């Protein structure tokens, strides 16, 4: 679960008191695992500021950001990268233009993993996986693995960025141990001992089974190792990546934007990803996702889901926005 608790953020670009602007005014928000939330609102309403605070690129002046109950408010952005994938409005962001499609994918796939820079490289298995993933996008990107990303079209680049933001290599045991200690809600020493004890117990059972059945084939040994792997992941893999979409189709032409949105919806549903999508397009906000939030002047003025969201229309949303704007002017 992702939680924002009493978040306030102010900006003052000139230093003069009269120029201070409150971007977020004591907002609290809970995002359930697997929810696809669309966020709308006018310019300066607090939409992108919210994503920046969630991703760690901005610190709130007041309040906390919690991930699975753990306070990550002061966790640096680069350390949050293992838990959040982000796609920006500008297709030039989120990828390395001078690197190939394959190089960009490999970096994204291993986000947050422990590895030595000297051992960095591609495996045939990874490459095969990337090709299959790119084929699903039906943009011919699987045939451009060695092409520099900088020469690609905006739509191709945004589709690639979307894939990079949503893919995650299976976490290593070291990563799962780290995250379990952080997010289990237990005392860190207790969580550490629990992980280590269970891991060693399962490893001993695996070794004993392989040793006892000394005539096992290679496939049978791999199946035993897979069962061990599943047991560890089932008990200790606590975090799934959260997708942050910051008006990621706004810079694209209508046809390409529609294609990228359809890809987004499919990827989110297939992976059961918790998603926050900021958009100015009210029709898209209604069409996609299972929950809709409207911001206005740093406040949440609408939060609907389920059947209530399905009944929304663009006209209703415009009316709500106009009424909120009128009330603000009267204050």
C-alpha atoms as a PDB file:
ATOM      1  CA  UNK A   1       0.000   0.000   0.000  1.00  0.00           C
ATOM      2  CA  UNK A   2       1.132   3.553  -0.784  1.00  0.00           C
ATOM      3  CA  UNK A   3       0.079   6.253   1.664  1.00  0.00           C
ATOM      4  CA  UNK A   4       0.451  10.023   1.754  1.00  0.00           C
ATOM      5  CA  UNK A   5      -0.147  11.341   5.258  1.00  0.00           C
ATOM      6  CA  UNK A   6      -0.856  15.046   5.819  1.00  0.00           C
ATOM      7  CA  UNK A   7       1.383  16.158   2.959  1.00  0.00           C
ATOM      8  CA  UNK A   8       2.027  19.882   2.535  1.00  0.00           C
ATOM      9  CA  UNK A   9       4.342  21.394  -0.074  1.00  0.00           C
ATOM     10  CA  UNK A  10       4.979  25.090  -0.651  1.00  0.00           C
ATOM     11  CA  UNK A  11       6.984  26.865  -3.332  1.00  0.00           C
ATOM     12  CA  UNK A  12       8.477  30.334  -3.234  1.00  0.00           C
ATOM     13  CA  UNK A  13      10.608  31.049  -6.258  1.00  0.00           C
ATOM     14  CA  UNK A  14      11.372  34.704  -5.456  1.00  0.00           C
ATOM     15  CA  UNK A  15      11.797  34.534  -1.690  1.00  0.00           C
ATOM     16  CA  UNK A  16       9.124  37.178  -1.113  1.00  0.00           C
ATOM     17  CA  UNK A  17       6.383  36.103   1.352  1.00  0.00           C
ATOM     18  CA  UNK A  18       3.620  37.295  -0.959  1.00  0.00           C
ATOM     19  CA  UNK A  19       4.909  34.976  -3.710  1.00  0.00           C
ATOM     20  CA  UNK A  20       4.623  31.798  -1.663  1.00  0.00           C
ATOM     21  CA  UNK A  21       2.332  29.217  -3.246  1.00  0.00           C
ATOM     22  CA  UNK A  22       0.930  26.129  -1.541  1.00  0.00           C
ATOM     23  CA  UNK A  23       1.042  23.305  -4.088  1.00  0.00           C
ATOM     24  CA  UNK A  24      -0.332  20.670  -1.687  1.00  0.00           C
ATOM     25  CA  UNK A  25      -2.294  21.604   1.405  1.00  0.00           C
ATOM     26  CA  UNK A  26      -2.329  18.860   4.062  1.00  0.00           C
ATOM     27  CA  UNK A  27      -3.526  16.073   1.762  1.00  0.00           C
ATOM     28  CA  UNK A  28      -3.849  12.438   2.819  1.00  0.00           C
ATOM     29  CA  UNK A  29      -4.313   9.593   0.378  1.00  0.00           C
ATOM     30  CA  UNK A  30      -4.247   5.785   0.457  1.00  0.00           C
ATOM     31  CA  UNK A  31      -3.603   3.801  -2.717  1.00  0.00           C
ATOM     32  CA  UNK A  32      -4.442   0.104  -2.402  1.00  0.00           C
ATOM     33  CA  UNK A  33      -2.252  -2.562  -4.033  1.00  0.00           C
ATOM     34  CA  UNK A  34      -3.289  -3.072  -7.661  1.00  0.00           C
ATOM     35  CA  UNK A  35      -5.383   0.120  -7.934  1.00  0.00           C
ATOM     36  CA  UNK A  36      -5.191   2.077 -11.200  1.00  0.00           C
ATOM     37  CA  UNK A  37      -5.822   5.696 -10.191  1.00  0.00           C
ATOM     38  CA  UNK A  38      -6.282   8.514 -12.699  1.00  0.00           C
ATOM     39  CA  UNK A  39      -5.553  12.037 -11.444  1.00  0.00           C
ATOM     40  CA  UNK A  40      -6.944  15.202 -13.036  1.00  0.00           C
ATOM     41  CA  UNK A  41      -6.971  18.908 -12.237  1.00  0.00           C
ATOM     42  CA  UNK A  42      -5.973  22.277 -13.640  1.00  0.00           C
ATOM     43  CA  UNK A  43      -2.472  23.672 -13.949  1.00  0.00           C
ATOM     44  CA  UNK A  44      -0.934  24.200 -10.521  1.00  0.00           C
ATOM     45  CA  UNK A  45      -3.504  21.983  -8.803  1.00  0.00           C
ATOM     46  CA  UNK A  46      -0.883  19.680  -7.268  1.00  0.00           C
ATOM     47  CA  UNK A  47      -0.986  16.665  -9.608  1.00  0.00           C
ATOM     48  CA  UNK A  48       2.646  16.498 -10.697  1.00  0.00           C
ATOM     49  CA  UNK A  49       3.847  17.695  -7.294  1.00  0.00           C
ATOM     50  CA  UNK A  50       2.180  14.625  -5.813  1.00  0.00           C
ATOM     51  CA  UNK A  51       4.034  12.310  -8.201  1.00  0.00           C
ATOM     52  CA  UNK A  52       7.310  14.111  -7.486  1.00  0.00           C
ATOM     53  CA  UNK A  53       6.866  13.592  -3.754  1.00  0.00           C
ATOM     54  CA  UNK A  54       5.949   9.934  -4.232  1.00  0.00           C
ATOM     55  CA  UNK A  55       8.980   9.325  -6.474  1.00  0.00           C
ATOM     56  CA  UNK A  56      11.324  11.185  -4.122  1.00  0.00           C
ATOM     57  CA  UNK A  57      12.334  13.966  -6.510  1.00  0.00           C
ATOM     58  CA  UNK A  58      10.693  16.418  -4.081  1.00  0.00           C
ATOM     59  CA  UNK A  59      10.600  16.430  -0.292  1.00  0.00           C
ATOM     60  CA  UNK A  60       7.359  17.547   1.392  1.00  0.00           C
ATOM     61  CA  UNK A  61       7.518  20.431   3.860  1.00  0.00           C
ATOM     62  CA  UNK A  62       5.229  18.488   6.165  1.00  0.00           C
ATOM     63  CA  UNK A  63       3.795  14.969   6.263  1.00  0.00           C
ATOM     64  CA  UNK A  64       4.983  11.464   5.417  1.00  0.00           C
ATOM     65  CA  UNK A  65       5.120   9.028   2.496  1.00  0.00           C
ATOM     66  CA  UNK A  66       4.602   5.392   3.514  1.00  0.00           C
ATOM     67  CA  UNK A  67       5.212   2.296   1.392  1.00  0.00           C
ATOM     68  CA  UNK A  68       3.737  -0.861   2.923  1.00  0.00           C
ATOM     69  CA  UNK A  69       3.722   0.977   6.249  1.00  0.00           C
ATOM     70  CA  UNK A  70       7.393   1.968   6.028  1.00  0.00           C
ATOM     71  CA  UNK A  71       8.282   5.673   6.147  1.00  0.00           C
ATOM     72  CA  UNK A  72      10.188   6.432   2.913  1.00  0.00           C
ATOM     73  CA  UNK A  73       9.759  10.223   3.072  1.00  0.00           C
ATOM     74  CA  UNK A  74      13.492  10.864   3.228  1.00  0.00           C
ATOM     75  CA  UNK A  75      14.575   7.882   1.138  1.00  0.00           C
ATOM     76  CA  UNK A  76      16.521   9.324  -1.851  1.00  0.00           C
ATOM     77  CA  UNK A  77      14.996   9.052  -5.305  1.00  0.00           C
ATOM     78  CA  UNK A  78      17.662   6.665  -6.618  1.00  0.00           C
ATOM     79  CA  UNK A  79      17.005   4.285  -3.729  1.00  0.00           C
ATOM     80  CA  UNK A  80      13.267   4.295  -4.492  1.00  0.00           C
ATOM     81  CA  UNK A  81      13.925   3.292  -8.107  1.00  0.00           C
ATOM     82  CA  UNK A  82      13.487  -0.401  -7.294  1.00  0.00           C
ATOM     83  CA  UNK A  83       9.905   0.278  -6.172  1.00  0.00           C
ATOM     84  CA  UNK A  84       8.697   2.957  -8.615  1.00  0.00           C
ATOM     85  CA  UNK A  85       8.692   3.166 -12.403  1.00  0.00           C
ATOM     86  CA  UNK A  86       7.948   6.540 -13.993  1.00  0.00           C
ATOM     87  CA  UNK A  87       7.023   7.739 -17.472  1.00  0.00           C
ATOM     88  CA  UNK A  88       7.179  11.491 -18.122  1.00  0.00           C
ATOM     89  CA  UNK A  89       5.329  13.744 -20.557  1.00  0.00           C
ATOM     90  CA  UNK A  90       8.502  14.356 -22.548  1.00  0.00           C
ATOM     91  CA  UNK A  91       9.416  11.232 -24.586  1.00  0.00           C
ATOM     92  CA  UNK A  92      13.059  12.334 -24.316  1.00  0.00           C
ATOM     93  CA  UNK A  93      13.041  11.636 -20.592  1.00  0.00           C
ATOM     94  CA  UNK A  94      13.296   8.215 -19.014  1.00  0.00           C
ATOM     95  CA  UNK A  95      15.698   6.782 -21.572  1.00  0.00           C
ATOM     96  CA  UNK A  96      19.362   7.257 -22.467  1.00  0.00           C
ATOM     97  CA  UNK A  97      19.363   8.652 -26.033  1.00  0.00           C
ATOM     98  CA  UNK A  98      22.941   7.637 -26.820  1.00  0.00           C
ATOM     99  CA  UNK A  99      22.414   4.040 -25.745  1.00  0.00           C
ATOM    100  CA  UNK A 100      20.718   1.258 -27.690  1.00  0.00           C
ATOM    101  CA  UNK A 101      17.261  -0.156 -27.037  1.00  0.00           C
ATOM    102  CA  UNK A 102      18.904  -3.281 -25.623  1.00  0.00           C
ATOM    103  CA  UNK A 103      21.162  -1.297 -23.268  1.00  0.00           C
ATOM    104  CA  UNK A 104      18.241   0.780 -21.984  1.00  0.00           C
ATOM    105  CA  UNK A 105      16.152  -2.336 -21.354  1.00  0.00           C
ATOM    106  CA  UNK A 106      18.947  -4.138 -19.531  1.00  0.00           C
ATOM    107  CA  UNK A 107      19.463  -1.188 -17.158  1.00  0.00           C
ATOM    108  CA  UNK A 108      15.731  -0.928 -16.437  1.00  0.00           C
ATOM    109  CA  UNK A 109      15.324  -4.681 -16.005  1.00  0.00           C
ATOM    110  CA  UNK A 110      17.986  -4.805 -13.316  1.00  0.00           C
ATOM    111  CA  UNK A 111      16.837  -1.673 -11.505  1.00  0.00           C
ATOM    112  CA  UNK A 112      17.644  -1.885  -7.830  1.00  0.00           C
ATOM    113  CA  UNK A 113      19.630  -5.110  -8.123  1.00  0.00           C
ATOM    114  CA  UNK A 114      23.056  -5.636  -6.607  1.00  0.00           C
ATOM    115  CA  UNK A 115      25.748  -6.079  -9.218  1.00  0.00           C
ATOM    116  CA  UNK A 116      29.293  -5.097 -10.009  1.00  0.00           C
ATOM    117  CA  UNK A 117      29.775  -2.574 -12.851  1.00  0.00           C
ATOM    118  CA  UNK A 118      32.547  -4.865 -14.119  1.00  0.00           C
ATOM    119  CA  UNK A 119      30.062  -7.708 -14.572  1.00  0.00           C
ATOM    120  CA  UNK A 120      27.409  -5.646 -16.333  1.00  0.00           C
ATOM    121  CA  UNK A 121      26.211  -7.078 -19.623  1.00  0.00           C
ATOM    122  CA  UNK A 122      23.511  -8.922 -21.492  1.00  0.00           C
ATOM    123  CA  UNK A 123      22.454 -12.521 -21.190  1.00  0.00           C
ATOM    124  CA  UNK A 124      20.872 -14.478 -24.030  1.00  0.00           C
ATOM    125  CA  UNK A 125      17.933 -15.227 -21.744  1.00  0.00           C
ATOM    126  CA  UNK A 126      17.371 -11.515 -21.046  1.00  0.00           C
ATOM    127  CA  UNK A 127      17.579 -10.660 -24.743  1.00  0.00           C
ATOM    128  CA  UNK A 128      15.019 -13.319 -25.612  1.00  0.00           C
ATOM    129  CA  UNK A 129      12.695 -11.959 -22.901  1.00  0.00           C
ATOM    130  CA  UNK A 130      13.060  -8.374 -24.203  1.00  0.00           C
ATOM    131  CA  UNK A 131      12.245  -9.451 -27.764  1.00  0.00           C
ATOM    132  CA  UNK A 132       9.051 -11.198 -26.654  1.00  0.00           C
ATOM    133  CA  UNK A 133       7.981  -8.176 -24.582  1.00  0.00           C
ATOM    134  CA  UNK A 134       8.623  -5.743 -27.442  1.00  0.00           C
ATOM    135  CA  UNK A 135       6.677  -7.914 -29.895  1.00  0.00           C
ATOM    136  CA  UNK A 136       3.541  -7.407 -27.820  1.00  0.00           C
ATOM    137  CA  UNK A 137       3.752  -3.671 -28.494  1.00  0.00           C
ATOM    138  CA  UNK A 138       3.447  -4.276 -32.258  1.00  0.00           C
ATOM    139  CA  UNK A 139       5.725  -1.336 -33.120  1.00  0.00           C
ATOM    140  CA  UNK A 140       8.600  -3.257 -34.651  1.00  0.00           C
ATOM    141  CA  UNK A 141      10.900  -2.412 -31.738  1.00  0.00           C
ATOM    142  CA  UNK A 142      12.025  -6.025 -31.417  1.00  0.00           C
ATOM    143  CA  UNK A 143      13.916  -5.563 -34.695  1.00  0.00           C
ATOM    144  CA  UNK A 144      15.710  -2.434 -33.424  1.00  0.00           C
ATOM    145  CA  UNK A 145      17.496  -3.742 -30.352  1.00  0.00           C
ATOM    146  CA  UNK A 146      20.826  -2.246 -31.443  1.00  0.00           C
ATOM    147  CA  UNK A 147      19.398   1.093 -32.593  1.00  0.00           C
ATOM    148  CA  UNK A 148      20.161   4.239 -30.595  1.00  0.00           C
ATOM    149  CA  UNK A 149      17.053   5.377 -28.755  1.00  0.00           C
ATOM    150  CA  UNK A 150      17.671   9.014 -29.729  1.00  0.00           C
ATOM    151  CA  UNK A 151      16.718   8.407 -33.381  1.00  0.00           C
ATOM    152  CA  UNK A 152      13.358   6.810 -32.554  1.00  0.00           C
ATOM    153  CA  UNK A 153       9.981   8.535 -32.931  1.00  0.00           C
ATOM    154  CA  UNK A 154       8.217   9.997 -29.896  1.00  0.00           C
ATOM    155  CA  UNK A 155       5.642   7.200 -29.843  1.00  0.00           C
ATOM    156  CA  UNK A 156       8.251   4.447 -30.114  1.00  0.00           C
ATOM    157  CA  UNK A 157      10.307   6.064 -27.392  1.00  0.00           C
ATOM    158  CA  UNK A 158       7.350   6.477 -25.068  1.00  0.00           C
ATOM    159  CA  UNK A 159       6.328   2.854 -25.610  1.00  0.00           C
ATOM    160  CA  UNK A 160       9.888   1.797 -24.773  1.00  0.00           C
ATOM    161  CA  UNK A 161       9.864   3.995 -21.659  1.00  0.00           C
ATOM    162  CA  UNK A 162       6.577   2.410 -20.588  1.00  0.00           C
ATOM    163  CA  UNK A 163       8.064  -1.068 -20.924  1.00  0.00           C
ATOM    164  CA  UNK A 164      11.182   0.016 -19.022  1.00  0.00           C
ATOM    165  CA  UNK A 165       9.056   1.478 -16.217  1.00  0.00           C
ATOM    166  CA  UNK A 166       6.959  -1.655 -15.811  1.00  0.00           C
ATOM    167  CA  UNK A 167       9.501  -4.440 -16.202  1.00  0.00           C
ATOM    168  CA  UNK A 168      11.299  -5.844 -13.221  1.00  0.00           C
ATOM    169  CA  UNK A 169      13.695  -8.731 -13.057  1.00  0.00           C
ATOM    170  CA  UNK A 170      12.835 -11.253 -10.360  1.00  0.00           C
ATOM    171  CA  UNK A 171      14.359  -9.849  -7.163  1.00  0.00           C
ATOM    172  CA  UNK A 172      17.448 -11.608  -5.883  1.00  0.00           C
ATOM    173  CA  UNK A 173      17.378 -13.223  -2.453  1.00  0.00           C
ATOM    174  CA  UNK A 174      19.546 -10.363  -1.240  1.00  0.00           C
ATOM    175  CA  UNK A 175      16.955  -7.845  -2.476  1.00  0.00           C
ATOM    176  CA  UNK A 176      14.085  -9.778  -0.893  1.00  0.00           C
ATOM    177  CA  UNK A 177      15.979  -9.917   2.392  1.00  0.00           C
ATOM    178  CA  UNK A 178      16.584  -6.169   2.259  1.00  0.00           C
ATOM    179  CA  UNK A 179      12.957  -5.371   1.456  1.00  0.00           C
ATOM    180  CA  UNK A 180      11.564  -7.811   4.014  1.00  0.00           C
ATOM    181  CA  UNK A 181      13.643  -6.161   6.725  1.00  0.00           C
ATOM    182  CA  UNK A 182      12.374  -2.756   5.553  1.00  0.00           C
ATOM    183  CA  UNK A 183       8.708  -3.507   4.947  1.00  0.00           C
ATOM    184  CA  UNK A 184       7.621  -6.455   7.109  1.00  0.00           C
ATOM    185  CA  UNK A 185       6.582  -4.134   9.943  1.00  0.00           C
ATOM    186  CA  UNK A 186       8.661  -6.105  12.437  1.00  0.00           C
ATOM    187  CA  UNK A 187      11.726  -5.117  14.388  1.00  0.00           C
ATOM    188  CA  UNK A 188      14.588  -5.226  11.868  1.00  0.00           C
ATOM    189  CA  UNK A 189      16.601  -7.770  13.862  1.00  0.00           C
ATOM    190  CA  UNK A 190      13.557 -10.038  14.181  1.00  0.00           C
ATOM    191  CA  UNK A 191      12.841  -9.775  10.434  1.00  0.00           C
ATOM    192  CA  UNK A 192      16.479 -10.461   9.607  1.00  0.00           C
ATOM    193  CA  UNK A 193      16.572 -13.577  11.778  1.00  0.00           C
ATOM    194  CA  UNK A 194      13.268 -14.833  10.366  1.00  0.00           C
ATOM    195  CA  UNK A 195      14.480 -14.502   6.786  1.00  0.00           C
ATOM    196  CA  UNK A 196      17.867 -16.078   7.443  1.00  0.00           C
ATOM    197  CA  UNK A 197      16.397 -18.948   9.460  1.00  0.00           C
ATOM    198  CA  UNK A 198      13.753 -19.833   6.868  1.00  0.00           C
ATOM    199  CA  UNK A 199      16.236 -19.495   4.000  1.00  0.00           C
ATOM    200  CA  UNK A 200      18.779 -21.798   5.631  1.00  0.00           C
ATOM    201  CA  UNK A 201      16.067 -24.308   6.560  1.00  0.00           C
ATOM    202  CA  UNK A 202      14.740 -24.464   2.986  1.00  0.00           C
ATOM    203  CA  UNK A 203      18.257 -24.594   1.538  1.00  0.00           C
ATOM    204  CA  UNK A 204      19.128 -27.541   3.798  1.00  0.00           C
ATOM    205  CA  UNK A 205      15.954 -29.368   2.683  1.00  0.00           C
ATOM    206  CA  UNK A 206      16.843 -28.713  -0.962  1.00  0.00           C
ATOM    207  CA  UNK A 207      20.412 -29.976  -0.564  1.00  0.00           C
ATOM    208  CA  UNK A 208      19.227 -33.050   1.320  1.00  0.00           C
ATOM    209  CA  UNK A 209      16.654 -33.893  -1.352  1.00  0.00           C
ATOM    210  CA  UNK A 210      19.198 -33.561  -4.172  1.00  0.00           C
ATOM    211  CA  UNK A 211      21.776 -35.608  -2.260  1.00  0.00           C
ATOM    212  CA  UNK A 212      19.279 -38.322  -1.295  1.00  0.00           C
ATOM    213  CA  UNK A 213      17.957 -38.676  -4.823  1.00  0.00           C
ATOM    214  CA  UNK A 214      21.381 -38.846  -6.438  1.00  0.00           C
ATOM    215  CA  UNK A 215      19.956 -40.093  -9.719  1.00  0.00           C
ATOM    216  CA  UNK A 216      17.902 -36.959 -10.415  1.00  0.00           C
ATOM    217  CA  UNK A 217      18.064 -35.605 -13.952  1.00  0.00           C
ATOM    218  CA  UNK A 218      19.111 -32.013 -14.632  1.00  0.00           C
ATOM    219  CA  UNK A 219      15.467 -31.059 -15.236  1.00  0.00           C
ATOM    220  CA  UNK A 220      14.417 -32.661 -11.938  1.00  0.00           C
ATOM    221  CA  UNK A 221      17.152 -30.814 -10.059  1.00  0.00           C
ATOM    222  CA  UNK A 222      16.032 -27.543 -11.662  1.00  0.00           C
ATOM    223  CA  UNK A 223      12.443 -28.280 -10.617  1.00  0.00           C
ATOM    224  CA  UNK A 224      13.611 -28.767  -7.011  1.00  0.00           C
ATOM    225  CA  UNK A 225      15.444 -25.439  -7.158  1.00  0.00           C
ATOM    226  CA  UNK A 226      12.352 -23.774  -8.622  1.00  0.00           C
ATOM    227  CA  UNK A 227      10.225 -25.067  -5.725  1.00  0.00           C
ATOM    228  CA  UNK A 228      12.795 -23.663  -3.294  1.00  0.00           C
ATOM    229  CA  UNK A 229      12.685 -20.332  -5.152  1.00  0.00           C
ATOM    230  CA  UNK A 230       8.872 -20.214  -5.041  1.00  0.00           C
ATOM    231  CA  UNK A 231       8.835 -20.944  -1.299  1.00  0.00           C
ATOM    232  CA  UNK A 232      11.196 -18.035  -0.596  1.00  0.00           C
ATOM    233  CA  UNK A 233       9.350 -15.590  -2.879  1.00  0.00           C
ATOM    234  CA  UNK A 234       5.914 -16.553  -1.573  1.00  0.00           C
ATOM    235  CA  UNK A 235       6.944 -15.772   1.975  1.00  0.00           C
ATOM    236  CA  UNK A 236       9.305 -12.816   1.561  1.00  0.00           C
ATOM    237  CA  UNK A 237       8.755 -10.875  -1.702  1.00  0.00           C
ATOM    238  CA  UNK A 238       6.766  -7.974  -0.235  1.00  0.00           C
ATOM    239  CA  UNK A 239       7.089  -5.227  -2.831  1.00  0.00           C
ATOM    240  CA  UNK A 240       5.753  -4.848  -6.346  1.00  0.00           C
ATOM    241  CA  UNK A 241       6.683  -1.917  -8.506  1.00  0.00           C
ATOM    242  CA  UNK A 242       4.341   1.103  -8.571  1.00  0.00           C
ATOM    243  CA  UNK A 243       3.862   2.861 -11.903  1.00  0.00           C
ATOM    244  CA  UNK A 244       3.811   6.682 -12.064  1.00  0.00           C
ATOM    245  CA  UNK A 245       2.531   8.195 -15.329  1.00  0.00           C
ATOM    246  CA  UNK A 246       2.969  11.960 -15.587  1.00  0.00           C
ATOM    247  CA  UNK A 247       0.844  13.024 -18.594  1.00  0.00           C
ATOM    248  CA  UNK A 248       2.781  10.434 -20.575  1.00  0.00           C
ATOM    249  CA  UNK A 249       0.714  10.815 -23.770  1.00  0.00           C
ATOM    250  CA  UNK A 250       0.349  14.625 -23.783  1.00  0.00           C
ATOM    251  CA  UNK A 251       3.230  15.224 -26.224  1.00  0.00           C
ATOM    252  CA  UNK A 252       2.086  12.571 -28.706  1.00  0.00           C
ATOM    253  CA  UNK A 253      -0.256  12.894 -31.686  1.00  0.00           C
ATOM    254  CA  UNK A 254      -3.814  11.575 -31.039  1.00  0.00           C
ATOM    255  CA  UNK A 255      -3.329   8.262 -32.867  1.00  0.00           C
ATOM    256  CA  UNK A 256      -0.048   7.463 -31.126  1.00  0.00           C
ATOM    257  CA  UNK A 257      -1.422   8.649 -27.758  1.00  0.00           C
ATOM    258  CA  UNK A 258      -4.357   6.237 -28.113  1.00  0.00           C
ATOM    259  CA  UNK A 259      -1.966   3.378 -28.901  1.00  0.00           C
ATOM    260  CA  UNK A 260       0.266   4.140 -25.897  1.00  0.00           C
ATOM    261  CA  UNK A 261      -2.777   4.408 -23.586  1.00  0.00           C
ATOM    262  CA  UNK A 262      -4.068   1.041 -24.783  1.00  0.00           C
ATOM    263  CA  UNK A 263      -0.618  -0.450 -24.169  1.00  0.00           C
ATOM    264  CA  UNK A 264      -0.579   1.140 -20.730  1.00  0.00           C
ATOM    265  CA  UNK A 265      -3.954  -0.321 -19.805  1.00  0.00           C
ATOM    266  CA  UNK A 266      -2.918  -3.775 -20.976  1.00  0.00           C
ATOM    267  CA  UNK A 267       0.440  -3.766 -19.199  1.00  0.00           C
ATOM    268  CA  UNK A 268      -1.117  -2.517 -15.946  1.00  0.00           C
ATOM    269  CA  UNK A 269      -3.859  -5.155 -16.002  1.00  0.00           C
ATOM    270  CA  UNK A 270      -1.557  -8.023 -16.964  1.00  0.00           C
ATOM    271  CA  UNK A 271       0.872  -7.208 -14.159  1.00  0.00           C
ATOM    272  CA  UNK A 272      -1.691  -6.114 -11.554  1.00  0.00           C
ATOM    273  CA  UNK A 273       0.352  -2.944 -11.063  1.00  0.00           C
ATOM    274  CA  UNK A 274      -0.525  -0.169  -8.654  1.00  0.00           C
ATOM    275  CA  UNK A 275      -0.674   2.863 -10.964  1.00  0.00           C
ATOM    276  CA  UNK A 276      -1.073   6.636 -10.662  1.00  0.00           C
ATOM    277  CA  UNK A 277      -1.768   8.340 -14.002  1.00  0.00           C
ATOM    278  CA  UNK A 278      -1.848  12.138 -14.196  1.00  0.00           C
ATOM    279  CA  UNK A 279      -3.744  13.434 -17.211  1.00  0.00           C
ATOM    280  CA  UNK A 280      -5.402  16.610 -18.470  1.00  0.00           C
ATOM    281  CA  UNK A 281      -7.751  14.559 -20.631  1.00  0.00           C
ATOM    282  CA  UNK A 282     -10.981  14.039 -18.697  1.00  0.00           C
ATOM    283  CA  UNK A 283     -12.260  11.440 -21.144  1.00  0.00           C
ATOM    284  CA  UNK A 284      -9.120   9.335 -20.627  1.00  0.00           C
ATOM    285  CA  UNK A 285      -9.421   9.768 -16.857  1.00  0.00           C
ATOM    286  CA  UNK A 286     -12.927   8.300 -17.012  1.00  0.00           C
ATOM    287  CA  UNK A 287     -12.125   5.544 -19.526  1.00  0.00           C
ATOM    288  CA  UNK A 288      -9.027   4.172 -17.840  1.00  0.00           C
ATOM    289  CA  UNK A 289      -8.428   3.013 -14.290  1.00  0.00           C
ATOM    290  CA  UNK A 290     -10.765   2.023 -11.484  1.00  0.00           C
ATOM    291  CA  UNK A 291     -10.475   5.159  -9.363  1.00  0.00           C
ATOM    292  CA  UNK A 292     -10.470   8.876 -10.220  1.00  0.00           C
ATOM    293  CA  UNK A 293      -9.125  11.745  -8.115  1.00  0.00           C
ATOM    294  CA  UNK A 294      -9.507  15.449  -8.886  1.00  0.00           C
ATOM    295  CA  UNK A 295      -7.092  18.030  -7.466  1.00  0.00           C
ATOM    296  CA  UNK A 296      -7.825  21.735  -7.147  1.00  0.00           C
ATOM    297  CA  UNK A 297      -5.497  24.331  -5.624  1.00  0.00           C
ATOM    298  CA  UNK A 298      -3.613  21.733  -3.594  1.00  0.00           C
ATOM    299  CA  UNK A 299      -6.713  19.923  -2.325  1.00  0.00           C
ATOM    300  CA  UNK A 300      -8.435  16.690  -3.305  1.00  0.00           C
ATOM    301  CA  UNK A 301     -11.990  17.706  -4.226  1.00  0.00           C
ATOM    302  CA  UNK A 302     -13.187  14.428  -5.749  1.00  0.00           C
ATOM    303  CA  UNK A 303     -12.294  10.787  -5.105  1.00  0.00           C
ATOM    304  CA  UNK A 304     -14.525   8.172  -6.744  1.00  0.00           C
ATOM    305  CA  UNK A 305     -14.208   4.518  -7.700  1.00  0.00           C
ATOM    306  CA  UNK A 306     -16.239   1.541  -8.863  1.00  0.00           C
ATOM    307  CA  UNK A 307     -19.785   2.131 -10.064  1.00  0.00           C
ATOM    308  CA  UNK A 308     -19.651   5.799  -9.068  1.00  0.00           C
ATOM    309  CA  UNK A 309     -16.694   6.342 -11.391  1.00  0.00           C
ATOM    310  CA  UNK A 310     -18.394   4.479 -14.245  1.00  0.00           C
ATOM    311  CA  UNK A 311     -21.311   6.919 -14.071  1.00  0.00           C
ATOM    312  CA  UNK A 312     -19.085   9.966 -14.512  1.00  0.00           C
ATOM    313  CA  UNK A 313     -19.155  12.045 -17.699  1.00  0.00           C
ATOM    314  CA  UNK A 314     -16.878  14.779 -18.977  1.00  0.00           C
ATOM    315  CA  UNK A 315     -19.700  17.287 -18.481  1.00  0.00           C
ATOM    316  CA  UNK A 316     -20.098  16.248 -14.827  1.00  0.00           C
ATOM    317  CA  UNK A 317     -16.372  16.596 -14.211  1.00  0.00           C
ATOM    318  CA  UNK A 318     -16.269  20.020 -15.859  1.00  0.00           C
ATOM    319  CA  UNK A 319     -19.186  21.162 -13.738  1.00  0.00           C
ATOM    320  CA  UNK A 320     -17.494  19.949 -10.535  1.00  0.00           C
ATOM    321  CA  UNK A 321     -14.290  21.723 -11.518  1.00  0.00           C
ATOM    322  CA  UNK A 322     -16.104  24.980 -12.315  1.00  0.00           C
ATOM    323  CA  UNK A 323     -17.986  24.857  -9.008  1.00  0.00           C
ATOM    324  CA  UNK A 324     -14.756  24.272  -7.058  1.00  0.00           C
ATOM    325  CA  UNK A 325     -13.056  27.121  -8.923  1.00  0.00           C
ATOM    326  CA  UNK A 326     -15.959  29.456  -8.160  1.00  0.00           C
ATOM    327  CA  UNK A 327     -15.889  28.581  -4.443  1.00  0.00           C
ATOM    328  CA  UNK A 328     -12.138  29.241  -4.342  1.00  0.00           C
ATOM    329  CA  UNK A 329     -12.617  32.689  -5.854  1.00  0.00           C
ATOM    330  CA  UNK A 330     -15.249  33.523  -3.242  1.00  0.00           C
ATOM    331  CA  UNK A 331     -12.898  32.737  -0.337  1.00  0.00           C
END
